[in-house]
Amino acid sequence: EPRAILSLALNPPNLGGIERAVIHLKEVGALTVMLQGVVNPYDGELTFMGRVLEQLPVDVKVGKLLLLGHAFGCLGECLVIAAALSNRSFFTKPYKDDMRGYMSKME
């Protein structure tokens, strides 16, 4: 079980974060819901999609978008959407940071 193994680390991660990550991977389809015939909400086996997603250097949801785009023959369009989703919005750039930089140049 991931929680038991990771709790032995020198600097163990938050157990709630581990549980949320496992549930998120199950929702995406990267982990199986059942482990050895029993429903286990905290553990699972990697699915084929999970093995493909682990090879991609992107977020899990963006990776699934790319994988399904390839499967449905619209990879080009999905690449554009994935690129837009991967970047931070330039509309949320903090105004005060720019102002501080400008003021420091003026001094």
N, C-alpha and C. Protein backbone atom coordinates (compact mmCIF):
# COMPACT_ATOMS: atom_id res chain seq x y z
N GLU A 1 0.85 -1.17 0.00
CA GLU A 1 0.00 0.00 0.00
C GLU A 1 0.90 1.24 0.00
N PRO A 2 0.63 2.23 -0.86
CA PRO A 2 1.49 3.42 -0.97
C PRO A 2 1.65 4.20 0.34
N ARG A 3 0.58 4.29 1.12
CA ARG A 3 0.68 5.05 2.37
C ARG A 3 1.68 4.43 3.33
N ALA A 4 1.67 3.11 3.44
CA ALA A 4 2.57 2.43 4.37
C ALA A 4 4.02 2.58 3.94
N ILE A 5 4.27 2.48 2.64
CA ILE A 5 5.64 2.58 2.14
C ILE A 5 6.17 4.00 2.28
N LEU A 6 5.35 4.98 1.88
CA LEU A 6 5.82 6.37 1.92
C LEU A 6 5.90 6.93 3.34
N SER A 7 5.18 6.35 4.28
CA SER A 7 5.28 6.83 5.67
C SER A 7 6.63 6.50 6.29
N LEU A 8 7.38 5.57 5.68
CA LEU A 8 8.71 5.20 6.19
C LEU A 8 9.82 6.10 5.67
N ALA A 9 9.49 7.02 4.78
CA ALA A 9 10.50 7.91 4.19
C ALA A 9 11.06 8.86 5.25
N LEU A 10 12.26 9.40 4.97
CA LEU A 10 12.88 10.35 5.90
C LEU A 10 12.02 11.59 6.08
N ASN A 11 11.45 12.05 4.98
CA ASN A 11 10.57 13.21 5.01
C ASN A 11 9.24 12.79 4.38
N PRO A 12 8.37 12.12 5.15
CA PRO A 12 7.16 11.54 4.56
C PRO A 12 6.19 12.62 4.07
N PRO A 13 5.55 12.37 2.92
CA PRO A 13 4.57 13.33 2.41
C PRO A 13 3.28 13.26 3.21
N ASN A 14 2.43 14.23 2.97
CA ASN A 14 1.12 14.30 3.61
C ASN A 14 0.29 13.10 3.15
N LEU A 15 -0.25 12.33 4.09
CA LEU A 15 -1.02 11.14 3.73
C LEU A 15 -2.30 11.49 3.00
N GLY A 16 -2.89 12.62 3.32
CA GLY A 16 -4.09 13.05 2.60
C GLY A 16 -3.79 13.34 1.14
N GLY A 17 -2.61 13.89 0.88
CA GLY A 17 -2.22 14.16 -0.51
C GLY A 17 -2.01 12.88 -1.30
N ILE A 18 -1.47 11.85 -0.64
CA ILE A 18 -1.28 10.56 -1.30
C ILE A 18 -2.64 9.97 -1.68
N GLU A 19 -3.58 10.01 -0.74
CA GLU A 19 -4.91 9.46 -1.00
C GLU A 19 -5.60 10.21 -2.14
N ARG A 20 -5.47 11.54 -2.14
CA ARG A 20 -6.09 12.31 -3.22
C ARG A 20 -5.46 11.99 -4.57
N ALA A 21 -4.13 11.78 -4.58
CA ALA A 21 -3.45 11.45 -5.83
C ALA A 21 -3.89 10.09 -6.36
N VAL A 22 -4.04 9.10 -5.48
CA VAL A 22 -4.48 7.77 -5.90
C VAL A 22 -5.91 7.84 -6.43
N ILE A 23 -6.77 8.56 -5.76
CA ILE A 23 -8.16 8.69 -6.22
C ILE A 23 -8.19 9.41 -7.56
N HIS A 24 -7.37 10.44 -7.72
CA HIS A 24 -7.31 11.18 -8.99
C HIS A 24 -6.85 10.25 -10.13
N LEU A 25 -5.85 9.42 -9.87
CA LEU A 25 -5.37 8.49 -10.89
C LEU A 25 -6.43 7.45 -11.24
N LYS A 26 -7.23 7.06 -10.28
CA LYS A 26 -8.32 6.12 -10.56
C LYS A 26 -9.42 6.79 -11.38
N GLU A 27 -9.71 8.05 -11.09
CA GLU A 27 -10.73 8.77 -11.86
C GLU A 27 -10.32 8.94 -13.31
N VAL A 28 -9.04 9.17 -13.54
CA VAL A 28 -8.54 9.35 -14.91
C VAL A 28 -8.48 8.01 -15.64
N GLY A 29 -8.34 6.91 -14.91
CA GLY A 29 -8.25 5.60 -15.52
C GLY A 29 -6.83 5.06 -15.57
N ALA A 30 -5.93 5.68 -14.82
CA ALA A 30 -4.53 5.24 -14.82
C ALA A 30 -4.29 4.11 -13.82
N LEU A 31 -5.17 3.94 -12.84
CA LEU A 31 -5.08 2.86 -11.86
C LEU A 31 -6.38 2.07 -11.86
N THR A 32 -6.27 0.77 -11.57
CA THR A 32 -7.47 -0.05 -11.46
C THR A 32 -8.17 0.23 -10.15
N VAL A 33 -9.47 -0.02 -10.12
CA VAL A 33 -10.25 0.20 -8.90
C VAL A 33 -10.09 -0.99 -7.96
N MET A 34 -9.98 -2.18 -8.54
CA MET A 34 -9.87 -3.40 -7.73
C MET A 34 -8.43 -3.87 -7.70
N LEU A 35 -8.02 -4.38 -6.55
CA LEU A 35 -6.69 -4.96 -6.38
C LEU A 35 -6.86 -6.35 -5.79
N GLN A 36 -6.48 -7.36 -6.52
CA GLN A 36 -6.61 -8.76 -6.13
C GLN A 36 -8.06 -9.12 -5.82
N GLY A 37 -8.98 -8.62 -6.65
CA GLY A 37 -10.39 -8.95 -6.52
C GLY A 37 -11.15 -8.18 -5.46
N VAL A 38 -10.49 -7.26 -4.78
CA VAL A 38 -11.13 -6.49 -3.71
C VAL A 38 -11.03 -5.01 -4.06
N VAL A 39 -12.13 -4.28 -3.86
CA VAL A 39 -12.11 -2.83 -4.10
C VAL A 39 -11.26 -2.18 -3.02
N ASN A 40 -10.20 -1.50 -3.45
CA ASN A 40 -9.28 -0.84 -2.52
C ASN A 40 -9.16 0.61 -2.94
N PRO A 41 -9.68 1.54 -2.14
CA PRO A 41 -9.62 2.95 -2.54
C PRO A 41 -8.24 3.58 -2.42
N TYR A 42 -7.29 2.90 -1.76
CA TYR A 42 -5.99 3.49 -1.51
C TYR A 42 -4.85 2.86 -2.31
N ASP A 43 -5.16 1.91 -3.19
CA ASP A 43 -4.11 1.24 -3.95
C ASP A 43 -4.72 0.74 -5.25
N GLY A 44 -3.88 0.37 -6.20
CA GLY A 44 -4.35 -0.16 -7.47
C GLY A 44 -3.19 -0.50 -8.37
N GLU A 45 -3.48 -1.23 -9.43
CA GLU A 45 -2.48 -1.59 -10.43
C GLU A 45 -2.53 -0.58 -11.57
N LEU A 46 -1.38 -0.35 -12.19
CA LEU A 46 -1.34 0.53 -13.35
C LEU A 46 -2.08 -0.11 -14.52
N THR A 47 -2.90 0.65 -15.19
CA THR A 47 -3.57 0.20 -16.40
C THR A 47 -2.69 0.51 -17.60
N PHE A 48 -3.14 0.11 -18.79
CA PHE A 48 -2.39 0.44 -20.00
C PHE A 48 -2.28 1.95 -20.14
N MET A 49 -3.40 2.66 -19.88
CA MET A 49 -3.37 4.11 -19.97
C MET A 49 -2.40 4.70 -18.95
N GLY A 50 -2.34 4.11 -17.77
CA GLY A 50 -1.40 4.58 -16.75
C GLY A 50 0.05 4.41 -17.18
N ARG A 51 0.35 3.30 -17.86
CA ARG A 51 1.72 3.07 -18.33
C ARG A 51 2.09 4.05 -19.44
N VAL A 52 1.13 4.40 -20.27
CA VAL A 52 1.41 5.39 -21.31
C VAL A 52 1.55 6.78 -20.70
N LEU A 53 0.68 7.12 -19.75
CA LEU A 53 0.72 8.45 -19.13
C LEU A 53 2.00 8.67 -18.32
N GLU A 54 2.56 7.61 -17.76
CA GLU A 54 3.78 7.80 -16.97
C GLU A 54 4.97 8.17 -17.86
N GLN A 55 4.88 7.89 -19.14
CA GLN A 55 5.96 8.23 -20.07
C GLN A 55 5.88 9.67 -20.58
N LEU A 56 4.73 10.31 -20.42
CA LEU A 56 4.55 11.67 -20.94
C LEU A 56 4.95 12.70 -19.89
N PRO A 57 5.71 13.72 -20.30
CA PRO A 57 6.16 14.74 -19.34
C PRO A 57 5.14 15.86 -19.14
N VAL A 58 3.87 15.50 -19.00
CA VAL A 58 2.81 16.51 -18.81
C VAL A 58 1.91 16.06 -17.67
N ASP A 59 1.00 16.94 -17.28
CA ASP A 59 0.01 16.63 -16.27
C ASP A 59 -0.83 15.44 -16.73
N VAL A 60 -1.40 14.71 -15.78
CA VAL A 60 -2.15 13.49 -16.10
C VAL A 60 -3.35 13.80 -16.99
N LYS A 61 -4.08 14.87 -16.69
CA LYS A 61 -5.26 15.19 -17.49
C LYS A 61 -4.88 15.63 -18.90
N VAL A 62 -3.80 16.38 -19.02
CA VAL A 62 -3.33 16.80 -20.34
C VAL A 62 -2.83 15.58 -21.12
N GLY A 63 -2.17 14.66 -20.43
CA GLY A 63 -1.71 13.44 -21.07
C GLY A 63 -2.87 12.59 -21.58
N LYS A 64 -3.94 12.52 -20.78
CA LYS A 64 -5.11 11.76 -21.23
C LYS A 64 -5.75 12.44 -22.44
N LEU A 65 -5.77 13.76 -22.46
CA LEU A 65 -6.28 14.49 -23.62
C LEU A 65 -5.48 14.13 -24.86
N LEU A 66 -4.17 14.10 -24.75
CA LEU A 66 -3.32 13.76 -25.89
C LEU A 66 -3.51 12.30 -26.32
N LEU A 67 -3.63 11.42 -25.35
CA LEU A 67 -3.82 10.01 -25.66
C LEU A 67 -5.15 9.78 -26.38
N LEU A 68 -6.21 10.38 -25.90
CA LEU A 68 -7.51 10.22 -26.54
C LEU A 68 -7.57 10.95 -27.88
N GLY A 69 -6.86 12.07 -27.99
CA GLY A 69 -6.79 12.76 -29.28
C GLY A 69 -6.13 11.91 -30.33
N HIS A 70 -5.10 11.18 -29.95
CA HIS A 70 -4.45 10.25 -30.87
C HIS A 70 -5.39 9.11 -31.25
N ALA A 71 -6.11 8.58 -30.26
CA ALA A 71 -7.01 7.45 -30.51
C ALA A 71 -8.16 7.84 -31.43
N PHE A 72 -8.65 9.07 -31.31
CA PHE A 72 -9.79 9.50 -32.12
C PHE A 72 -9.39 10.25 -33.38
N GLY A 73 -8.09 10.36 -33.65
CA GLY A 73 -7.63 10.95 -34.89
C GLY A 73 -7.67 12.47 -34.94
N CYS A 74 -7.66 13.11 -33.80
CA CYS A 74 -7.66 14.58 -33.78
C CYS A 74 -6.51 15.08 -32.89
N LEU A 75 -5.34 14.49 -33.07
CA LEU A 75 -4.20 14.81 -32.22
C LEU A 75 -3.75 16.26 -32.41
N GLY A 76 -3.79 16.77 -33.63
CA GLY A 76 -3.36 18.15 -33.88
C GLY A 76 -4.15 19.16 -33.07
N GLU A 77 -5.46 19.00 -33.07
CA GLU A 77 -6.31 19.91 -32.30
C GLU A 77 -6.08 19.76 -30.80
N CYS A 78 -5.88 18.52 -30.37
CA CYS A 78 -5.64 18.28 -28.94
C CYS A 78 -4.28 18.83 -28.50
N LEU A 79 -3.30 18.83 -29.40
CA LEU A 79 -2.00 19.42 -29.07
C LEU A 79 -2.13 20.92 -28.82
N VAL A 80 -2.95 21.59 -29.62
CA VAL A 80 -3.17 23.03 -29.42
C VAL A 80 -3.85 23.28 -28.08
N ILE A 81 -4.87 22.49 -27.78
CA ILE A 81 -5.58 22.65 -26.51
C ILE A 81 -4.65 22.34 -25.34
N ALA A 82 -3.85 21.27 -25.46
CA ALA A 82 -2.92 20.90 -24.39
C ALA A 82 -1.88 21.99 -24.16
N ALA A 83 -1.40 22.60 -25.24
CA ALA A 83 -0.43 23.69 -25.09
C ALA A 83 -1.05 24.88 -24.37
N ALA A 84 -2.31 25.17 -24.69
CA ALA A 84 -2.99 26.29 -24.03
C ALA A 84 -3.24 25.97 -22.55
N LEU A 85 -3.55 24.73 -22.24
CA LEU A 85 -3.81 24.36 -20.85
C LEU A 85 -2.53 24.28 -20.02
N SER A 86 -1.41 24.05 -20.65
CA SER A 86 -0.15 23.88 -19.93
C SER A 86 0.47 25.19 -19.50
N ASN A 87 0.14 26.28 -20.15
CA ASN A 87 0.75 27.57 -19.83
C ASN A 87 -0.10 28.33 -18.83
N ARG A 88 0.59 29.13 -18.05
CA ARG A 88 -0.09 30.00 -17.10
C ARG A 88 -0.73 31.15 -17.87
N SER A 89 -1.89 31.57 -17.46
CA SER A 89 -2.58 32.65 -18.15
C SER A 89 -1.81 33.96 -17.98
N PHE A 90 -1.61 34.67 -19.07
CA PHE A 90 -0.91 35.94 -18.99
C PHE A 90 -1.82 37.04 -18.44
N PHE A 91 -3.10 36.78 -18.30
CA PHE A 91 -4.02 37.75 -17.71
C PHE A 91 -3.88 37.81 -16.20
N THR A 92 -3.30 36.77 -15.60
CA THR A 92 -3.18 36.74 -14.14
C THR A 92 -1.80 37.20 -13.66
N LYS A 93 -1.07 37.86 -14.51
CA LYS A 93 0.26 38.34 -14.13
C LYS A 93 0.11 39.42 -13.07
N PRO A 94 0.83 39.30 -11.97
CA PRO A 94 0.69 40.28 -10.89
C PRO A 94 1.16 41.67 -11.33
N TYR A 95 0.32 42.64 -11.17
CA TYR A 95 0.61 44.01 -11.56
C TYR A 95 1.67 44.63 -10.65
N LYS A 96 1.61 44.33 -9.36
CA LYS A 96 2.52 44.98 -8.40
C LYS A 96 3.97 44.57 -8.62
N ASP A 97 4.22 43.35 -9.09
CA ASP A 97 5.59 42.92 -9.36
C ASP A 97 6.20 43.76 -10.47
N ASP A 98 5.42 44.00 -11.52
CA ASP A 98 5.91 44.84 -12.61
C ASP A 98 6.15 46.26 -12.14
N MET A 99 5.26 46.75 -11.29
CA MET A 99 5.40 48.11 -10.80
C MET A 99 6.65 48.25 -9.92
N ARG A 100 6.92 47.25 -9.08
CA ARG A 100 8.13 47.28 -8.25
C ARG A 100 9.38 47.26 -9.10
N GLY A 101 9.38 46.43 -10.13
CA GLY A 101 10.53 46.39 -11.04
C GLY A 101 10.74 47.70 -11.74
N TYR A 102 9.67 48.34 -12.17
CA TYR A 102 9.76 49.63 -12.84
C TYR A 102 10.28 50.70 -11.88
N MET A 103 9.77 50.68 -10.64
CA MET A 103 10.20 51.67 -9.66
C MET A 103 11.68 51.49 -9.29
N SER A 104 12.15 50.25 -9.24
CA SER A 104 13.56 50.03 -8.90
C SER A 104 14.47 50.52 -10.03
N LYS A 105 14.01 50.46 -11.26
CA LYS A 105 14.79 50.97 -12.38
C LYS A 105 14.84 52.48 -12.37
N MET A 106 13.79 53.12 -11.87
CA MET A 106 13.72 54.58 -11.85
C MET A 106 14.63 55.17 -10.77
N GLU A 107 14.93 54.39 -9.73
CA GLU A 107 15.74 54.91 -8.61
C GLU A 107 17.20 55.00 -8.94
